Protein backbone atom coordinates (compact mmCIF):
# COMPACT_ATOMS: atom_id res chain seq x y z
CA MET A 1 -32.97 7.64 -36.97
CA LYS A 2 -30.29 6.63 -34.50
CA ILE A 3 -30.46 2.87 -34.07
CA THR A 4 -28.41 0.56 -31.85
CA ILE A 5 -28.35 -3.15 -32.64
CA ALA A 6 -26.99 -6.12 -30.72
CA GLY A 7 -25.80 -9.16 -32.64
CA SER A 8 -22.49 -7.99 -34.07
CA LEU A 9 -22.11 -8.90 -37.77
CA GLY A 10 -23.58 -12.39 -37.75
CA ASN A 11 -26.16 -13.91 -40.05
CA ILE A 12 -28.72 -11.36 -38.83
CA GLY A 13 -26.62 -8.42 -37.71
CA LYS A 14 -24.70 -7.88 -40.94
CA PRO A 15 -27.65 -7.76 -43.37
CA LEU A 16 -29.61 -5.71 -40.82
CA THR A 17 -26.79 -3.18 -40.52
CA GLU A 18 -26.42 -2.97 -44.29
CA LYS A 19 -30.15 -2.44 -44.77
CA LEU A 20 -30.44 0.23 -42.09
CA ILE A 21 -27.42 2.16 -43.36
CA ALA A 22 -28.72 1.96 -46.94
CA ALA A 23 -31.95 3.53 -45.65
CA GLY A 24 -29.98 6.44 -44.23
CA HIS A 25 -30.04 5.58 -40.54
CA GLN A 26 -27.20 6.22 -38.09
CA VAL A 27 -26.32 2.76 -36.75
CA THR A 28 -24.33 1.57 -33.75
CA VAL A 29 -23.48 -2.14 -33.67
CA ILE A 30 -22.80 -3.90 -30.38
CA SER A 31 -20.22 -6.68 -30.49
CA SER A 32 -18.38 -8.59 -27.79
CA SER A 33 -15.33 -8.89 -30.06
CA SER A 34 -12.94 -6.02 -30.68
CA ASP A 35 -11.87 -7.88 -33.83
CA ARG A 36 -15.22 -6.86 -35.34
CA LYS A 37 -14.63 -3.12 -34.91
CA GLN A 38 -12.96 -2.58 -38.26
CA ASP A 39 -15.57 -4.61 -40.15
CA ILE A 40 -18.41 -2.73 -38.46
CA GLU A 41 -16.89 0.62 -39.31
CA ALA A 42 -16.27 -0.51 -42.89
CA LEU A 43 -20.05 -0.83 -43.29
CA GLY A 44 -20.49 2.77 -42.17
CA ALA A 45 -21.67 1.96 -38.64
CA GLU A 46 -20.21 2.81 -35.25
CA ALA A 47 -18.85 -0.08 -33.18
CA SER A 48 -19.64 -0.46 -29.50
CA ILE A 49 -17.55 -3.23 -27.97
CA GLY A 50 -18.74 -4.88 -24.76
CA SER A 51 -20.91 -7.53 -23.15
CA VAL A 52 -24.69 -7.80 -23.42
CA SER A 53 -24.64 -8.81 -19.75
CA ASP A 54 -23.14 -5.44 -18.75
CA ALA A 55 -26.03 -3.08 -17.96
CA LEU A 56 -23.86 0.06 -17.78
CA PHE A 57 -22.23 -0.71 -21.12
CA LEU A 58 -25.64 -1.31 -22.70
CA LYS A 59 -27.07 1.88 -21.18
CA ASN A 60 -24.27 3.90 -22.77
CA ALA A 61 -24.81 2.13 -26.12
CA PHE A 62 -28.57 2.81 -25.99
CA THR A 63 -28.47 6.42 -24.77
CA GLY A 64 -29.53 8.77 -27.54
CA ALA A 65 -30.90 6.00 -29.75
CA ASP A 66 -34.36 6.29 -31.26
CA ALA A 67 -34.67 2.51 -31.44
CA VAL A 68 -32.84 -0.60 -30.23
CA PHE A 69 -32.65 -4.21 -31.42
CA THR A 70 -31.80 -6.80 -28.78
CA MET A 71 -30.76 -10.41 -29.21
CA THR A 72 -28.89 -12.96 -27.11
CA PRO A 73 -26.97 -16.02 -28.35
CA PRO A 74 -28.73 -19.34 -27.66
CA ASN A 75 -25.61 -20.95 -26.16
CA MET A 76 -24.62 -18.03 -24.00
CA GLY A 77 -21.65 -18.93 -21.83
CA GLY A 78 -21.61 -22.63 -22.71
CA SER A 79 -22.90 -23.57 -19.24
CA ASN A 80 -25.70 -22.22 -17.04
CA VAL A 81 -27.13 -21.13 -20.36
CA ILE A 82 -30.68 -20.28 -19.28
CA ALA A 83 -29.48 -18.35 -16.23
CA ASN A 84 -26.94 -16.45 -18.35
CA MET A 85 -29.62 -15.50 -20.86
CA ALA A 86 -31.83 -14.25 -18.03
CA GLU A 87 -28.96 -12.16 -16.67
CA ALA A 88 -28.51 -10.59 -20.09
CA GLY A 89 -32.25 -9.93 -20.13
CA LYS A 90 -31.98 -8.11 -16.80
CA ALA A 91 -29.12 -6.02 -18.17
CA PHE A 92 -31.19 -5.14 -21.23
CA VAL A 93 -34.13 -4.10 -19.03
CA THR A 94 -31.93 -1.85 -16.90
CA ALA A 95 -30.31 -0.29 -19.96
CA ILE A 96 -33.60 0.28 -21.76
CA THR A 97 -35.20 1.84 -18.69
CA GLU A 98 -32.28 4.06 -17.75
CA SER A 99 -31.31 5.16 -21.27
CA GLY A 100 -34.78 6.45 -22.11
CA VAL A 101 -35.04 4.63 -25.44
CA LYS A 102 -38.68 4.36 -26.56
CA ARG A 103 -38.64 1.68 -29.27
CA VAL A 104 -37.30 -1.86 -28.82
CA VAL A 105 -37.42 -4.91 -31.06
CA MET A 106 -36.41 -8.15 -29.32
CA LEU A 107 -35.44 -11.26 -31.26
CA SER A 108 -37.35 -14.13 -29.72
CA SER A 109 -38.49 -17.54 -30.94
CA ILE A 110 -41.45 -19.74 -31.60
CA GLY A 111 -42.21 -21.41 -28.30
CA ALA A 112 -41.20 -18.40 -26.21
CA ASP A 113 -44.75 -18.30 -24.86
CA LEU A 114 -43.94 -21.49 -22.93
CA ALA A 115 -42.15 -21.63 -19.58
CA GLN A 116 -40.86 -25.19 -19.93
CA GLY A 117 -40.23 -28.04 -22.36
CA THR A 118 -38.53 -25.91 -25.03
CA GLY A 119 -34.80 -26.28 -24.39
CA PRO A 120 -32.79 -23.08 -24.96
CA ILE A 121 -35.97 -21.20 -25.89
CA ILE A 122 -36.77 -21.07 -22.17
CA GLY A 123 -34.12 -18.35 -21.91
CA LEU A 124 -36.01 -16.22 -24.41
CA HIS A 125 -39.26 -16.83 -22.53
CA ARG A 126 -37.60 -15.47 -19.40
CA ILE A 127 -36.32 -12.41 -21.24
CA GLU A 128 -39.79 -11.74 -22.64
CA GLN A 129 -41.19 -11.93 -19.10
CA LEU A 130 -38.57 -9.46 -17.90
CA PHE A 131 -39.37 -7.08 -20.75
CA HIS A 132 -43.05 -7.19 -19.80
CA GLN A 133 -42.11 -5.13 -16.74
CA ILE A 134 -40.92 -2.20 -18.88
CA GLU A 135 -43.40 0.66 -19.05
CA GLU A 136 -43.94 3.39 -21.65
CA VAL A 137 -41.74 1.72 -24.25
CA SER A 138 -42.93 0.28 -27.57
CA ILE A 139 -41.71 -3.33 -27.64
CA THR A 140 -42.12 -5.94 -30.36
CA TYR A 141 -41.23 -9.55 -29.62
CA LEU A 142 -40.21 -10.93 -33.01
CA ARG A 143 -40.57 -14.69 -32.64
CA ALA A 144 -38.54 -16.46 -35.30
CA GLY A 145 -38.82 -19.97 -36.65
CA TYR A 146 -36.09 -22.61 -36.69
CA PHE A 147 -33.10 -21.14 -38.51
CA TYR A 148 -32.27 -22.61 -41.92
CA THR A 149 -28.61 -22.16 -41.05
CA ASN A 150 -28.89 -24.67 -38.19
CA TYR A 151 -28.81 -27.38 -40.88
CA TYR A 152 -25.15 -26.59 -41.56
CA ASN A 153 -24.56 -28.63 -38.40
CA ASP A 154 -25.74 -31.71 -40.33
CA ILE A 155 -22.90 -31.55 -42.85
CA PRO A 156 -20.62 -33.94 -40.89
CA MET A 157 -23.49 -36.43 -40.55
CA ILE A 158 -24.27 -36.26 -44.25
CA LYS A 159 -20.63 -36.71 -45.21
CA GLY A 160 -19.88 -39.37 -42.62
CA MET A 161 -23.10 -41.40 -42.56
CA GLY A 162 -24.99 -40.40 -45.69
CA ILE A 163 -28.05 -39.36 -43.71
CA MET A 164 -29.77 -36.45 -42.01
CA GLY A 165 -31.48 -37.13 -38.72
CA GLY A 166 -32.74 -35.94 -35.38
CA ASN A 167 -35.32 -36.56 -32.70
CA LEU A 168 -38.12 -35.41 -34.99
CA PHE A 169 -40.61 -37.54 -36.85
CA ALA A 170 -40.08 -37.45 -40.61
CA ASN A 171 -43.44 -35.71 -41.05
CA THR A 172 -43.09 -33.18 -38.21
CA ILE A 173 -44.11 -29.71 -39.33
CA ILE A 174 -41.31 -27.19 -38.73
CA PRO A 175 -41.76 -23.41 -39.10
CA LEU A 176 -38.45 -22.27 -40.59
CA VAL A 177 -36.76 -18.95 -41.21
CA HIS A 178 -33.82 -17.53 -43.14
CA PRO A 179 -31.72 -15.13 -41.01
CA LYS A 180 -31.92 -12.51 -43.76
CA ASP A 181 -35.71 -12.55 -43.51
CA ILE A 182 -35.30 -11.87 -39.79
CA ALA A 183 -32.99 -8.95 -40.58
CA TYR A 184 -35.48 -7.48 -43.04
CA ALA A 185 -38.35 -7.89 -40.57
CA VAL A 186 -36.33 -6.24 -37.80
CA ALA A 187 -35.45 -3.31 -40.06
CA GLU A 188 -39.13 -2.73 -40.84
CA GLU A 189 -40.09 -2.92 -37.18
CA LEU A 190 -37.39 -0.50 -36.04
CA GLU A 191 -38.75 2.19 -38.34
CA ILE A 192 -42.23 2.15 -36.76
CA THR A 193 -43.43 2.69 -33.20
CA PRO A 194 -46.62 0.81 -32.44
CA ALA A 195 -48.32 1.36 -29.11
CA GLY A 196 -47.54 -0.91 -26.18
CA GLN A 197 -46.11 -4.39 -26.50
CA ASN A 198 -46.89 -6.90 -29.24
CA VAL A 199 -45.81 -10.25 -30.65
CA LYS A 200 -45.03 -10.90 -34.31
CA TYR A 201 -43.83 -14.10 -35.95
CA ILE A 202 -41.27 -14.26 -38.75
CA ILE A 203 -41.45 -17.52 -40.70
CA SER A 204 -40.01 -18.04 -44.19
CA ASP A 205 -41.23 -21.54 -45.01
CA VAL A 206 -42.77 -24.64 -43.48
CA LYS A 207 -41.29 -28.06 -44.19
CA SER A 208 -41.06 -31.52 -42.65
CA PRO A 209 -37.69 -33.20 -41.98
CA SER A 210 -38.25 -35.62 -44.87
CA GLU A 211 -38.90 -32.69 -47.21
CA ILE A 212 -35.83 -30.88 -45.87
CA ALA A 213 -33.59 -33.91 -46.47
CA GLY A 214 -35.03 -34.30 -49.96
CA ILE A 215 -34.46 -30.67 -50.92
CA ILE A 216 -30.92 -30.60 -49.53
CA GLY A 217 -30.17 -33.98 -51.09
CA VAL A 218 -31.08 -32.73 -54.56
CA ALA A 219 -29.02 -29.56 -54.05
CA ILE A 220 -25.87 -31.50 -53.08
CA GLY A 221 -26.25 -34.26 -55.64
CA LYS A 222 -27.59 -36.89 -53.21
CA PRO A 223 -31.26 -37.12 -54.22
CA ASP A 224 -31.88 -40.18 -52.05
CA LEU A 225 -30.61 -38.52 -48.86
CA PRO A 226 -32.88 -39.89 -46.10
CA TRP A 227 -34.13 -38.42 -42.85
CA VAL A 228 -33.57 -40.88 -39.99
CA GLU A 229 -35.71 -40.59 -36.88
CA PHE A 230 -33.69 -40.85 -33.65
CA THR A 231 -35.11 -41.46 -30.21
CA ASP A 232 -34.43 -38.72 -27.67
CA GLU A 233 -31.75 -40.90 -26.09
CA GLN A 234 -30.11 -41.67 -29.44
CA PHE A 235 -30.11 -37.97 -30.26
CA LEU A 236 -28.54 -37.11 -26.91
CA GLN A 237 -25.80 -39.71 -27.23
CA GLY A 238 -25.05 -38.61 -30.79
CA ALA A 239 -24.78 -34.98 -29.72
CA LEU A 240 -22.43 -35.87 -26.88
CA GLN A 241 -20.27 -37.95 -29.22
CA ALA A 242 -20.14 -34.98 -31.59
CA GLY A 243 -18.60 -32.92 -28.79
CA ILE A 244 -21.60 -30.83 -27.79
CA PRO A 245 -21.46 -30.02 -24.05
CA GLU A 246 -23.92 -32.08 -22.03
CA GLU A 247 -26.00 -29.11 -20.91
CA MET A 248 -26.51 -27.86 -24.46
CA ALA A 249 -27.10 -31.38 -25.78
CA LYS A 250 -29.91 -31.88 -23.28
CA LEU A 251 -31.42 -28.51 -24.14
CA TYR A 252 -31.33 -29.32 -27.87
CA LYS A 253 -32.92 -32.71 -27.15
CA GLU A 254 -35.72 -31.02 -25.25
CA MET A 255 -36.25 -28.48 -28.04
CA GLY A 256 -36.52 -31.26 -30.63
CA ALA A 257 -39.09 -33.04 -28.49
CA GLY A 258 -41.04 -29.79 -28.14
CA ILE A 259 -41.15 -29.31 -31.91
CA ARG A 260 -42.02 -32.98 -32.44
CA ASN A 261 -44.98 -32.91 -30.06
CA GLY A 262 -46.29 -29.67 -31.53
CA GLU A 263 -46.01 -27.58 -28.38
CA ILE A 264 -43.30 -25.19 -29.58
CA PRO A 265 -45.08 -24.12 -32.80
CA LYS A 266 -48.58 -24.25 -31.24
CA ASP A 267 -49.03 -20.53 -30.60
CA TRP A 268 -47.87 -19.69 -34.14
CA VAL A 269 -50.39 -22.21 -35.47
CA ASP A 270 -53.11 -20.80 -33.23
CA GLN A 271 -52.33 -17.30 -34.54
CA GLY A 272 -52.98 -18.44 -38.12
CA SER A 273 -49.70 -20.03 -39.27
CA VAL A 274 -48.78 -16.89 -41.19
CA VAL A 275 -45.65 -17.01 -43.37
CA THR A 276 -44.22 -13.56 -44.10
CA GLY A 277 -40.58 -14.29 -45.02
CA LYS A 278 -39.62 -14.28 -48.69
CA ILE A 279 -36.66 -16.70 -48.87
CA LYS A 280 -37.88 -20.26 -49.36
CA PHE A 281 -36.00 -23.32 -48.19
CA ALA A 282 -35.20 -24.39 -51.75
CA GLU A 283 -33.25 -21.14 -52.17
CA PHE A 284 -31.33 -21.78 -48.97
CA ALA A 285 -30.49 -25.29 -50.21
CA GLU A 286 -28.33 -23.68 -52.89
CA GLU A 287 -26.43 -21.80 -50.17
CA PHE A 288 -26.11 -25.10 -48.29
CA ALA A 289 -24.68 -26.79 -51.37
CA GLN A 290 -21.98 -24.13 -51.67
CA LYS A 291 -20.86 -24.72 -48.06
CA PHE A 292 -21.12 -28.50 -48.47
C-alpha cells in the first residue's frame, strides 16, 4: 500500500513509519521541518515537507495514497490554538476530498465527543465535526488517552519540589496511553477499510494520580513521591510561572478539570472502558527513570 502519514518522526510518527515500512508499505512522511528530511529518508520513507494548514500541499501529499493518517499538534501556533487546529482540519478535509484518498485514520482524543470544557481537545472535536462532512471515505477517529509522555513535564517539579501535582484529585481515574501503542493501533487501522465512519479508543492503562506518582517514585528511587492536589487557580499560576503561555495554561487547566469531573473520559467509560494497548504504565516508568 501507499500510505501518507502526518506527524513527522515524533513519538508516534517514528514507530508508525518503522512498522509500516517493515510491513512492506510505501510510506510518505509529512513534516514541517526540512531538517527531518534526511532522517525520514534514512528509515526508507519519502519526505514531504510543508504545513498541515496548507490544503494544496496536503492534496499533493495525499494524491495516489491508498490510506492517510492525520494528526495535529495540541499547541498549534502557540496562540489562537483552537482556531489554528480547526484551520488545519479544513485543510485536511479539502485535501482528502480533492486527492481522492479513500481511507483515513485521524488521531483524536478522549473527550473529543464534547464541544466544550475540554481545553485543547476542543480543537480535535472541531476537526472530527469537519471530517463528518466527508462522503464516501472510510474514516476512523482513533481517540487516544492521556499520553504517558506528558509526565516528562513533571520532571522539574519533582527535582525542584519533590512532588508531582496537578488540578486532579489523587484518586481521579485517568485513561492513559503510550505513544507506541497509538502507532501500532494506527498501523493496524491503515491496513483495513471498514465501511463509513467509526470511533475507536486506544488506551494502554488506567491509573490515578496517586498511583502514577507511586510508580514513578519507585522507578526514580523516590518511593515516597507524593501527588499534591492543586486548585484550578493554583495550577494556572504554577503553569504561568513555569513559562507556559497564558492561552495554553488556561486550556490545560480546563482539560484537567474535565478529567477530574469525569466528563472527558465519560464516553470511553460508557463504551465499556476497553483497554487495548499493551504497554503498561510501569513499563513507561522505566523510560521515565532514564530521562530523569
